[in-house]
Amino acid sequence: MSRIRAIALDVDGVLTDGGFWWGPNGEEFKRFSFGDVMGLSLARRAGFVLALISGEDSPLVDRYAEKMLIRHVVKGCRDKAGALRELSSRTEIALEQFCYMGDDINDIPAMRIAGVSFAPASANALVLEHAQFVTENPGGNGAVREMVDALLAAQGMDPIETLRKK
C-alpha cells in the first residue's frame, strides 16, 4: 500500500449503504457518511488523486464530487476496468499505483487490475473473495475512511498533520 498514489471508488454500496429513497415527485436521495467525507478530505490533502466510477448516471454523484473536489468522475459506467485504465492514462499514474474499492461483481474487473483492492464488509461475497483488504465497516458507514486511514498509515502519514495541509 505504500506505493498507492490514486484512489478510485464505486459510489453505491461503497460511499453509500447501497440504498436510496425516492421522493413523491421521483427525486432520489442517498445517504453519505461524514466519516467517509473526512477520509476523502484527508486523502486529497495527502496528495492522493481521487476518482469516482459509478454504474449509475446520477446527478448526486456529480454533487458529491463537487463537494469533495473530486475532478475525475465516470458515471453510467458498464466497464469499470476500462474506466480505470482510462483514468490511469489520463492522470499518468500507473494502475499499480491505484487503489480501487468496490462492493459488487461489476467492480471485480477493476479490482483485479488495481495495485490494491478493498471491499467494504457489506460487499457481495464474491467481491469479498477478490478483495485484498476487507474493511470492518460496511459501505456508507465509514468503510472509505477505514481504507484511507490504512493507506495513510502504510505511507507513514499522520492524519492530524495531513489535516493541516491545504
N, C-alpha and C. Protein backbone atom coordinates (compact mmCIF):
# COMPACT_ATOMS: atom_id res chain seq x y z
N MET A 1 0.82 -1.21 0.00
CA MET A 1 0.00 0.00 0.00
C MET A 1 0.86 1.26 0.00
N SER A 2 2.13 1.10 0.22
CA SER A 2 2.99 2.28 0.31
C SER A 2 3.21 2.96 -1.04
N ARG A 3 2.91 2.29 -2.14
CA ARG A 3 3.13 2.88 -3.46
C ARG A 3 1.87 3.52 -4.06
N ILE A 4 0.76 3.48 -3.37
CA ILE A 4 -0.51 3.99 -3.89
C ILE A 4 -0.49 5.51 -3.98
N ARG A 5 -0.91 6.03 -5.14
CA ARG A 5 -0.97 7.48 -5.37
C ARG A 5 -2.37 7.95 -5.74
N ALA A 6 -3.26 7.01 -6.06
CA ALA A 6 -4.61 7.37 -6.50
C ALA A 6 -5.63 6.40 -5.92
N ILE A 7 -6.82 6.93 -5.67
CA ILE A 7 -7.92 6.14 -5.12
C ILE A 7 -9.12 6.29 -6.03
N ALA A 8 -9.64 5.16 -6.50
CA ALA A 8 -10.86 5.15 -7.31
C ALA A 8 -11.92 4.37 -6.54
N LEU A 9 -13.12 4.92 -6.51
CA LEU A 9 -14.20 4.32 -5.72
C LEU A 9 -15.47 4.14 -6.54
N ASP A 10 -16.13 3.01 -6.32
CA ASP A 10 -17.51 2.87 -6.71
C ASP A 10 -18.29 3.78 -5.75
N VAL A 11 -19.53 4.11 -6.08
CA VAL A 11 -20.31 5.00 -5.22
C VAL A 11 -21.33 4.22 -4.41
N ASP A 12 -22.34 3.66 -5.07
CA ASP A 12 -23.41 2.97 -4.36
C ASP A 12 -22.89 1.66 -3.75
N GLY A 13 -23.04 1.54 -2.43
CA GLY A 13 -22.55 0.38 -1.71
C GLY A 13 -21.17 0.58 -1.14
N VAL A 14 -20.49 1.65 -1.55
CA VAL A 14 -19.17 1.98 -1.02
C VAL A 14 -19.25 3.30 -0.26
N LEU A 15 -19.61 4.38 -0.96
CA LEU A 15 -19.82 5.67 -0.30
C LEU A 15 -21.22 5.78 0.30
N THR A 16 -22.13 4.93 -0.17
CA THR A 16 -23.47 4.85 0.42
C THR A 16 -23.68 3.43 0.92
N ASP A 17 -24.77 3.22 1.62
CA ASP A 17 -25.07 1.86 2.10
C ASP A 17 -25.74 1.02 1.02
N GLY A 18 -25.84 1.57 -0.18
CA GLY A 18 -26.44 0.84 -1.28
C GLY A 18 -27.93 1.05 -1.42
N GLY A 19 -28.53 1.74 -0.47
CA GLY A 19 -29.95 2.03 -0.55
C GLY A 19 -30.20 3.43 -1.08
N PHE A 20 -31.43 3.72 -1.39
CA PHE A 20 -31.81 5.07 -1.79
C PHE A 20 -33.28 5.27 -1.46
N TRP A 21 -33.65 6.52 -1.42
CA TRP A 21 -35.05 6.88 -1.18
C TRP A 21 -35.57 7.60 -2.41
N TRP A 22 -36.82 7.39 -2.73
CA TRP A 22 -37.49 8.15 -3.77
C TRP A 22 -38.50 9.07 -3.13
N GLY A 23 -38.47 10.33 -3.51
CA GLY A 23 -39.45 11.29 -3.05
C GLY A 23 -40.73 11.16 -3.86
N PRO A 24 -41.80 11.83 -3.43
CA PRO A 24 -43.09 11.71 -4.11
C PRO A 24 -43.07 12.23 -5.55
N ASN A 25 -42.11 13.06 -5.89
CA ASN A 25 -42.01 13.58 -7.25
C ASN A 25 -40.90 12.90 -8.05
N GLY A 26 -40.45 11.74 -7.57
CA GLY A 26 -39.41 10.98 -8.28
C GLY A 26 -37.99 11.37 -7.92
N GLU A 27 -37.81 12.29 -6.96
CA GLU A 27 -36.46 12.67 -6.54
C GLU A 27 -35.78 11.46 -5.90
N GLU A 28 -34.49 11.38 -6.10
CA GLU A 28 -33.71 10.31 -5.50
C GLU A 28 -32.81 10.89 -4.41
N PHE A 29 -32.77 10.23 -3.28
CA PHE A 29 -31.95 10.66 -2.16
C PHE A 29 -31.02 9.52 -1.76
N LYS A 30 -29.79 9.87 -1.38
CA LYS A 30 -28.82 8.91 -0.89
C LYS A 30 -28.19 9.46 0.38
N ARG A 31 -27.74 8.57 1.23
CA ARG A 31 -27.10 8.96 2.48
C ARG A 31 -25.60 8.71 2.38
N PHE A 32 -24.81 9.73 2.72
CA PHE A 32 -23.36 9.62 2.73
C PHE A 32 -22.87 9.82 4.16
N SER A 33 -21.75 9.21 4.49
CA SER A 33 -21.17 9.26 5.83
C SER A 33 -20.18 10.41 5.95
N PHE A 34 -20.31 11.20 7.02
CA PHE A 34 -19.34 12.26 7.26
C PHE A 34 -17.97 11.70 7.61
N GLY A 35 -17.91 10.49 8.15
CA GLY A 35 -16.61 9.84 8.37
C GLY A 35 -15.89 9.62 7.06
N ASP A 36 -16.63 9.18 6.04
CA ASP A 36 -16.04 8.99 4.72
C ASP A 36 -15.67 10.32 4.08
N VAL A 37 -16.47 11.35 4.32
CA VAL A 37 -16.15 12.69 3.82
C VAL A 37 -14.80 13.13 4.40
N MET A 38 -14.61 12.94 5.69
CA MET A 38 -13.33 13.30 6.31
C MET A 38 -12.21 12.46 5.74
N GLY A 39 -12.45 11.18 5.54
CA GLY A 39 -11.43 10.31 4.96
C GLY A 39 -10.98 10.79 3.59
N LEU A 40 -11.93 11.15 2.73
CA LEU A 40 -11.56 11.64 1.40
C LEU A 40 -10.88 13.00 1.47
N SER A 41 -11.28 13.82 2.41
CA SER A 41 -10.60 15.10 2.60
C SER A 41 -9.15 14.88 3.01
N LEU A 42 -8.93 13.94 3.90
CA LEU A 42 -7.56 13.60 4.32
C LEU A 42 -6.75 13.06 3.13
N ALA A 43 -7.38 12.19 2.34
CA ALA A 43 -6.69 11.61 1.19
C ALA A 43 -6.29 12.69 0.19
N ARG A 44 -7.21 13.60 -0.09
CA ARG A 44 -6.92 14.69 -1.03
C ARG A 44 -5.78 15.56 -0.49
N ARG A 45 -5.83 15.90 0.79
CA ARG A 45 -4.79 16.74 1.40
C ARG A 45 -3.44 16.02 1.43
N ALA A 46 -3.49 14.70 1.50
CA ALA A 46 -2.25 13.92 1.50
C ALA A 46 -1.66 13.79 0.10
N GLY A 47 -2.40 14.24 -0.90
CA GLY A 47 -1.88 14.22 -2.27
C GLY A 47 -2.39 13.10 -3.15
N PHE A 48 -3.31 12.29 -2.65
CA PHE A 48 -3.88 11.23 -3.48
C PHE A 48 -4.79 11.84 -4.55
N VAL A 49 -4.73 11.31 -5.75
CA VAL A 49 -5.68 11.66 -6.79
C VAL A 49 -6.93 10.83 -6.51
N LEU A 50 -8.10 11.48 -6.56
CA LEU A 50 -9.36 10.81 -6.24
C LEU A 50 -10.23 10.69 -7.48
N ALA A 51 -10.95 9.57 -7.58
CA ALA A 51 -11.84 9.34 -8.71
C ALA A 51 -13.06 8.55 -8.26
N LEU A 52 -14.20 8.82 -8.90
CA LEU A 52 -15.42 8.06 -8.69
C LEU A 52 -15.76 7.36 -9.99
N ILE A 53 -16.09 6.07 -9.89
CA ILE A 53 -16.52 5.29 -11.05
C ILE A 53 -17.84 4.64 -10.67
N SER A 54 -18.93 5.14 -11.24
CA SER A 54 -20.26 4.68 -10.84
C SER A 54 -21.01 4.07 -12.02
N GLY A 55 -21.70 3.00 -11.74
CA GLY A 55 -22.57 2.41 -12.74
C GLY A 55 -23.83 3.23 -12.96
N GLU A 56 -24.15 4.08 -12.02
CA GLU A 56 -25.33 4.94 -12.10
C GLU A 56 -24.97 6.26 -12.76
N ASP A 57 -25.95 6.85 -13.41
CA ASP A 57 -25.77 8.17 -14.02
C ASP A 57 -26.60 9.17 -13.21
N SER A 58 -26.22 9.35 -11.98
CA SER A 58 -26.99 10.16 -11.04
C SER A 58 -26.36 11.53 -10.84
N PRO A 59 -27.18 12.59 -10.82
CA PRO A 59 -26.64 13.92 -10.51
C PRO A 59 -26.09 14.00 -9.09
N LEU A 60 -26.48 13.07 -8.22
CA LEU A 60 -25.95 13.06 -6.86
C LEU A 60 -24.46 12.73 -6.86
N VAL A 61 -24.01 11.95 -7.83
CA VAL A 61 -22.58 11.64 -7.95
C VAL A 61 -21.81 12.92 -8.27
N ASP A 62 -22.35 13.72 -9.20
CA ASP A 62 -21.71 15.00 -9.54
C ASP A 62 -21.68 15.93 -8.34
N ARG A 63 -22.77 15.97 -7.62
CA ARG A 63 -22.85 16.87 -6.45
C ARG A 63 -21.83 16.47 -5.39
N TYR A 64 -21.72 15.15 -5.15
CA TYR A 64 -20.75 14.66 -4.18
C TYR A 64 -19.33 14.99 -4.64
N ALA A 65 -19.04 14.74 -5.92
CA ALA A 65 -17.71 15.02 -6.45
C ALA A 65 -17.37 16.50 -6.32
N GLU A 66 -18.33 17.35 -6.60
CA GLU A 66 -18.10 18.80 -6.49
C GLU A 66 -17.79 19.18 -5.05
N LYS A 67 -18.57 18.66 -4.12
CA LYS A 67 -18.37 18.97 -2.70
C LYS A 67 -16.99 18.50 -2.23
N MET A 68 -16.58 17.33 -2.71
CA MET A 68 -15.32 16.73 -2.26
C MET A 68 -14.12 17.10 -3.14
N LEU A 69 -14.33 17.98 -4.12
CA LEU A 69 -13.27 18.42 -5.02
C LEU A 69 -12.64 17.26 -5.78
N ILE A 70 -13.49 16.31 -6.19
CA ILE A 70 -13.03 15.16 -6.96
C ILE A 70 -13.22 15.49 -8.44
N ARG A 71 -12.12 15.60 -9.17
CA ARG A 71 -12.17 16.02 -10.57
C ARG A 71 -12.45 14.87 -11.53
N HIS A 72 -12.12 13.66 -11.16
CA HIS A 72 -12.24 12.52 -12.06
C HIS A 72 -13.50 11.73 -11.73
N VAL A 73 -14.50 11.80 -12.61
CA VAL A 73 -15.78 11.16 -12.38
C VAL A 73 -16.22 10.44 -13.65
N VAL A 74 -16.56 9.17 -13.51
CA VAL A 74 -17.11 8.38 -14.61
C VAL A 74 -18.46 7.86 -14.13
N LYS A 75 -19.53 8.22 -14.84
CA LYS A 75 -20.89 7.80 -14.46
C LYS A 75 -21.48 6.94 -15.56
N GLY A 76 -22.49 6.14 -15.19
CA GLY A 76 -23.14 5.29 -16.16
C GLY A 76 -22.17 4.27 -16.75
N CYS A 77 -21.22 3.85 -15.96
CA CYS A 77 -20.12 3.02 -16.43
C CYS A 77 -20.48 1.53 -16.37
N ARG A 78 -20.30 0.86 -17.50
CA ARG A 78 -20.53 -0.59 -17.56
C ARG A 78 -19.21 -1.37 -17.57
N ASP A 79 -18.10 -0.67 -17.86
CA ASP A 79 -16.78 -1.30 -17.93
C ASP A 79 -15.85 -0.56 -16.96
N LYS A 80 -15.88 -0.95 -15.71
CA LYS A 80 -15.11 -0.23 -14.70
C LYS A 80 -13.60 -0.44 -14.86
N ALA A 81 -13.19 -1.60 -15.36
CA ALA A 81 -11.77 -1.80 -15.62
C ALA A 81 -11.31 -0.88 -16.74
N GLY A 82 -12.12 -0.74 -17.78
CA GLY A 82 -11.79 0.18 -18.87
C GLY A 82 -11.71 1.61 -18.37
N ALA A 83 -12.64 1.99 -17.50
CA ALA A 83 -12.63 3.34 -16.92
C ALA A 83 -11.38 3.56 -16.08
N LEU A 84 -10.97 2.55 -15.34
CA LEU A 84 -9.77 2.66 -14.52
C LEU A 84 -8.52 2.79 -15.41
N ARG A 85 -8.48 2.02 -16.50
CA ARG A 85 -7.36 2.15 -17.44
C ARG A 85 -7.31 3.57 -18.03
N GLU A 86 -8.47 4.11 -18.39
CA GLU A 86 -8.54 5.46 -18.95
C GLU A 86 -8.07 6.49 -17.91
N LEU A 87 -8.49 6.33 -16.66
CA LEU A 87 -8.04 7.24 -15.60
C LEU A 87 -6.53 7.16 -15.41
N SER A 88 -6.00 5.95 -15.47
CA SER A 88 -4.56 5.76 -15.35
C SER A 88 -3.83 6.50 -16.46
N SER A 89 -4.33 6.38 -17.66
CA SER A 89 -3.72 7.06 -18.80
C SER A 89 -3.83 8.58 -18.67
N ARG A 90 -5.02 9.05 -18.32
CA ARG A 90 -5.27 10.50 -18.22
C ARG A 90 -4.45 11.15 -17.10
N THR A 91 -4.30 10.45 -15.99
CA THR A 91 -3.59 11.02 -14.84
C THR A 91 -2.09 10.71 -14.87
N GLU A 92 -1.69 9.82 -15.77
CA GLU A 92 -0.31 9.36 -15.85
C GLU A 92 0.15 8.70 -14.55
N ILE A 93 -0.78 8.00 -13.93
CA ILE A 93 -0.50 7.22 -12.73
C ILE A 93 -0.71 5.75 -13.10
N ALA A 94 0.30 4.93 -12.87
CA ALA A 94 0.23 3.52 -13.24
C ALA A 94 -0.90 2.81 -12.49
N LEU A 95 -1.48 1.82 -13.14
CA LEU A 95 -2.54 1.04 -12.50
C LEU A 95 -2.08 0.46 -11.16
N GLU A 96 -0.82 0.10 -11.08
CA GLU A 96 -0.27 -0.47 -9.84
C GLU A 96 -0.27 0.53 -8.69
N GLN A 97 -0.44 1.82 -9.04
CA GLN A 97 -0.45 2.86 -8.02
C GLN A 97 -1.88 3.31 -7.68
N PHE A 98 -2.87 2.61 -8.21
CA PHE A 98 -4.27 2.88 -7.90
C PHE A 98 -4.77 1.92 -6.84
N CYS A 99 -5.58 2.43 -5.95
CA CYS A 99 -6.35 1.63 -5.01
C CYS A 99 -7.80 1.72 -5.49
N TYR A 100 -8.48 0.59 -5.58
CA TYR A 100 -9.88 0.59 -6.00
C TYR A 100 -10.71 -0.08 -4.93
N MET A 101 -11.86 0.54 -4.61
CA MET A 101 -12.80 -0.07 -3.66
C MET A 101 -14.14 -0.24 -4.36
N GLY A 102 -14.64 -1.47 -4.33
CA GLY A 102 -15.94 -1.78 -4.90
C GLY A 102 -16.69 -2.78 -4.05
N ASP A 103 -17.98 -2.92 -4.33
CA ASP A 103 -18.80 -3.78 -3.49
C ASP A 103 -19.60 -4.84 -4.24
N ASP A 104 -19.63 -4.79 -5.57
CA ASP A 104 -20.44 -5.77 -6.29
C ASP A 104 -19.66 -6.35 -7.46
N ILE A 105 -20.24 -7.35 -8.10
CA ILE A 105 -19.49 -8.13 -9.08
C ILE A 105 -19.02 -7.31 -10.28
N ASN A 106 -19.71 -6.22 -10.60
CA ASN A 106 -19.24 -5.37 -11.71
C ASN A 106 -17.97 -4.60 -11.35
N ASP A 107 -17.56 -4.63 -10.09
CA ASP A 107 -16.32 -3.97 -9.65
C ASP A 107 -15.11 -4.90 -9.73
N ILE A 108 -15.33 -6.19 -9.82
CA ILE A 108 -14.23 -7.15 -9.77
C ILE A 108 -13.19 -6.92 -10.87
N PRO A 109 -13.57 -6.67 -12.13
CA PRO A 109 -12.53 -6.43 -13.14
C PRO A 109 -11.61 -5.25 -12.79
N ALA A 110 -12.14 -4.19 -12.24
CA ALA A 110 -11.31 -3.05 -11.83
C ALA A 110 -10.45 -3.43 -10.63
N MET A 111 -11.01 -4.19 -9.71
CA MET A 111 -10.25 -4.63 -8.55
C MET A 111 -9.05 -5.48 -8.96
N ARG A 112 -9.24 -6.29 -10.00
CA ARG A 112 -8.17 -7.19 -10.46
C ARG A 112 -6.98 -6.43 -11.05
N ILE A 113 -7.21 -5.27 -11.66
CA ILE A 113 -6.11 -4.56 -12.32
C ILE A 113 -5.50 -3.45 -11.47
N ALA A 114 -6.17 -3.09 -10.38
CA ALA A 114 -5.63 -2.05 -9.48
C ALA A 114 -4.48 -2.63 -8.66
N GLY A 115 -3.59 -1.76 -8.24
CA GLY A 115 -2.48 -2.19 -7.40
C GLY A 115 -2.93 -2.75 -6.07
N VAL A 116 -3.97 -2.16 -5.50
CA VAL A 116 -4.54 -2.60 -4.23
C VAL A 116 -6.05 -2.54 -4.36
N SER A 117 -6.72 -3.57 -3.85
CA SER A 117 -8.19 -3.58 -3.89
C SER A 117 -8.76 -3.74 -2.49
N PHE A 118 -9.81 -2.98 -2.25
CA PHE A 118 -10.55 -3.02 -0.99
C PHE A 118 -12.02 -3.31 -1.28
N ALA A 119 -12.69 -3.86 -0.29
CA ALA A 119 -14.14 -4.01 -0.33
C ALA A 119 -14.68 -3.69 1.06
N PRO A 120 -15.84 -3.05 1.12
CA PRO A 120 -16.46 -2.86 2.44
C PRO A 120 -17.00 -4.18 2.96
N ALA A 121 -17.16 -4.28 4.26
CA ALA A 121 -17.65 -5.52 4.88
C ALA A 121 -18.98 -5.97 4.31
N SER A 122 -19.77 -5.05 3.82
CA SER A 122 -21.11 -5.36 3.30
C SER A 122 -21.12 -5.77 1.83
N ALA A 123 -19.94 -5.92 1.22
CA ALA A 123 -19.86 -6.26 -0.20
C ALA A 123 -20.39 -7.66 -0.47
N ASN A 124 -20.72 -7.90 -1.74
CA ASN A 124 -21.12 -9.21 -2.21
C ASN A 124 -20.04 -10.24 -1.86
N ALA A 125 -20.43 -11.46 -1.55
CA ALA A 125 -19.49 -12.50 -1.12
C ALA A 125 -18.39 -12.75 -2.14
N LEU A 126 -18.71 -12.74 -3.42
CA LEU A 126 -17.70 -12.96 -4.45
C LEU A 126 -16.68 -11.82 -4.47
N VAL A 127 -17.15 -10.61 -4.23
CA VAL A 127 -16.25 -9.45 -4.18
C VAL A 127 -15.32 -9.58 -2.97
N LEU A 128 -15.85 -10.02 -1.86
CA LEU A 128 -15.03 -10.20 -0.66
C LEU A 128 -13.89 -11.19 -0.93
N GLU A 129 -14.16 -12.21 -1.74
CA GLU A 129 -13.13 -13.18 -2.09
C GLU A 129 -12.03 -12.57 -2.95
N HIS A 130 -12.38 -11.58 -3.78
CA HIS A 130 -11.42 -10.97 -4.70
C HIS A 130 -10.66 -9.79 -4.08
N ALA A 131 -11.16 -9.24 -3.01
CA ALA A 131 -10.52 -8.07 -2.39
C ALA A 131 -9.26 -8.48 -1.64
N GLN A 132 -8.23 -7.66 -1.77
CA GLN A 132 -7.02 -7.89 -0.99
C GLN A 132 -7.25 -7.50 0.47
N PHE A 133 -8.09 -6.48 0.68
CA PHE A 133 -8.41 -6.00 2.02
C PHE A 133 -9.91 -5.80 2.13
N VAL A 134 -10.46 -6.19 3.27
CA VAL A 134 -11.89 -6.00 3.56
C VAL A 134 -11.98 -5.17 4.82
N THR A 135 -12.75 -4.09 4.75
CA THR A 135 -12.89 -3.23 5.93
C THR A 135 -13.81 -3.88 6.95
N GLU A 136 -13.70 -3.45 8.17
CA GLU A 136 -14.62 -3.90 9.21
C GLU A 136 -15.96 -3.20 9.07
N ASN A 137 -15.94 -1.97 8.55
CA ASN A 137 -17.15 -1.18 8.40
C ASN A 137 -17.85 -1.49 7.08
N PRO A 138 -19.18 -1.41 7.08
CA PRO A 138 -19.92 -1.60 5.83
C PRO A 138 -19.89 -0.34 4.97
N GLY A 139 -20.28 -0.49 3.72
CA GLY A 139 -20.35 0.64 2.81
C GLY A 139 -21.29 1.71 3.34
N GLY A 140 -20.90 2.97 3.13
CA GLY A 140 -21.72 4.09 3.58
C GLY A 140 -21.65 4.36 5.06
N ASN A 141 -20.81 3.61 5.76
CA ASN A 141 -20.70 3.74 7.21
C ASN A 141 -19.26 3.69 7.68
N GLY A 142 -18.39 4.40 6.97
CA GLY A 142 -17.01 4.51 7.41
C GLY A 142 -16.02 3.58 6.73
N ALA A 143 -16.45 2.79 5.75
CA ALA A 143 -15.53 1.87 5.07
C ALA A 143 -14.44 2.65 4.32
N VAL A 144 -14.82 3.73 3.66
CA VAL A 144 -13.84 4.52 2.91
C VAL A 144 -12.86 5.18 3.88
N ARG A 145 -13.33 5.69 4.97
CA ARG A 145 -12.44 6.29 5.98
C ARG A 145 -11.45 5.26 6.49
N GLU A 146 -11.94 4.06 6.74
CA GLU A 146 -11.07 2.99 7.23
C GLU A 146 -9.98 2.67 6.20
N MET A 147 -10.35 2.63 4.93
CA MET A 147 -9.39 2.39 3.86
C MET A 147 -8.36 3.51 3.80
N VAL A 148 -8.81 4.76 3.84
CA VAL A 148 -7.89 5.91 3.79
C VAL A 148 -6.95 5.88 4.99
N ASP A 149 -7.46 5.60 6.17
CA ASP A 149 -6.60 5.52 7.35
C ASP A 149 -5.51 4.47 7.15
N ALA A 150 -5.87 3.33 6.55
CA ALA A 150 -4.89 2.26 6.30
C ALA A 150 -3.84 2.71 5.29
N LEU A 151 -4.26 3.41 4.23
CA LEU A 151 -3.32 3.91 3.23
C LEU A 151 -2.38 4.95 3.83
N LEU A 152 -2.92 5.86 4.63
CA LEU A 152 -2.08 6.87 5.28
C LEU A 152 -1.06 6.21 6.19
N ALA A 153 -1.50 5.24 6.98
CA ALA A 153 -0.60 4.54 7.90
C ALA A 153 0.50 3.81 7.13
N ALA A 154 0.13 3.16 6.02
CA ALA A 154 1.11 2.43 5.23
C ALA A 154 2.16 3.35 4.63
N GLN A 155 1.80 4.61 4.45
CA GLN A 155 2.74 5.58 3.88
C GLN A 155 3.38 6.46 4.94
N GLY A 156 3.15 6.10 6.20
CA GLY A 156 3.78 6.82 7.30
C GLY A 156 3.26 8.24 7.50
N MET A 157 2.02 8.48 7.09
CA MET A 157 1.43 9.82 7.22
C MET A 157 0.57 9.91 8.48
N ASP A 158 0.74 10.99 9.19
CA ASP A 158 -0.05 11.27 10.39
C ASP A 158 -1.33 11.97 9.97
N PRO A 159 -2.51 11.42 10.29
CA PRO A 159 -3.77 12.05 9.87
C PRO A 159 -3.94 13.47 10.39
N ILE A 160 -3.45 13.75 11.59
CA ILE A 160 -3.61 15.09 12.14
C ILE A 160 -2.73 16.08 11.36
N GLU A 161 -1.51 15.69 11.04
CA GLU A 161 -0.64 16.55 10.23
C GLU A 161 -1.21 16.70 8.82
N THR A 162 -1.78 15.62 8.28
CA THR A 162 -2.37 15.66 6.95
C THR A 162 -3.54 16.64 6.91
N LEU A 163 -4.33 16.67 7.97
CA LEU A 163 -5.47 17.56 8.04
C LEU A 163 -5.06 19.03 7.96
N ARG A 164 -3.88 19.33 8.44
CA ARG A 164 -3.40 20.73 8.44
C ARG A 164 -2.98 21.22 7.06
N LYS A 165 -2.80 20.27 6.12
CA LYS A 165 -2.40 20.66 4.76
C LYS A 165 -3.60 21.22 4.00
N LYS A 166 -3.33 22.03 3.02
CA LYS A 166 -4.41 22.60 2.21
C LYS A 166 -4.88 21.62 1.18
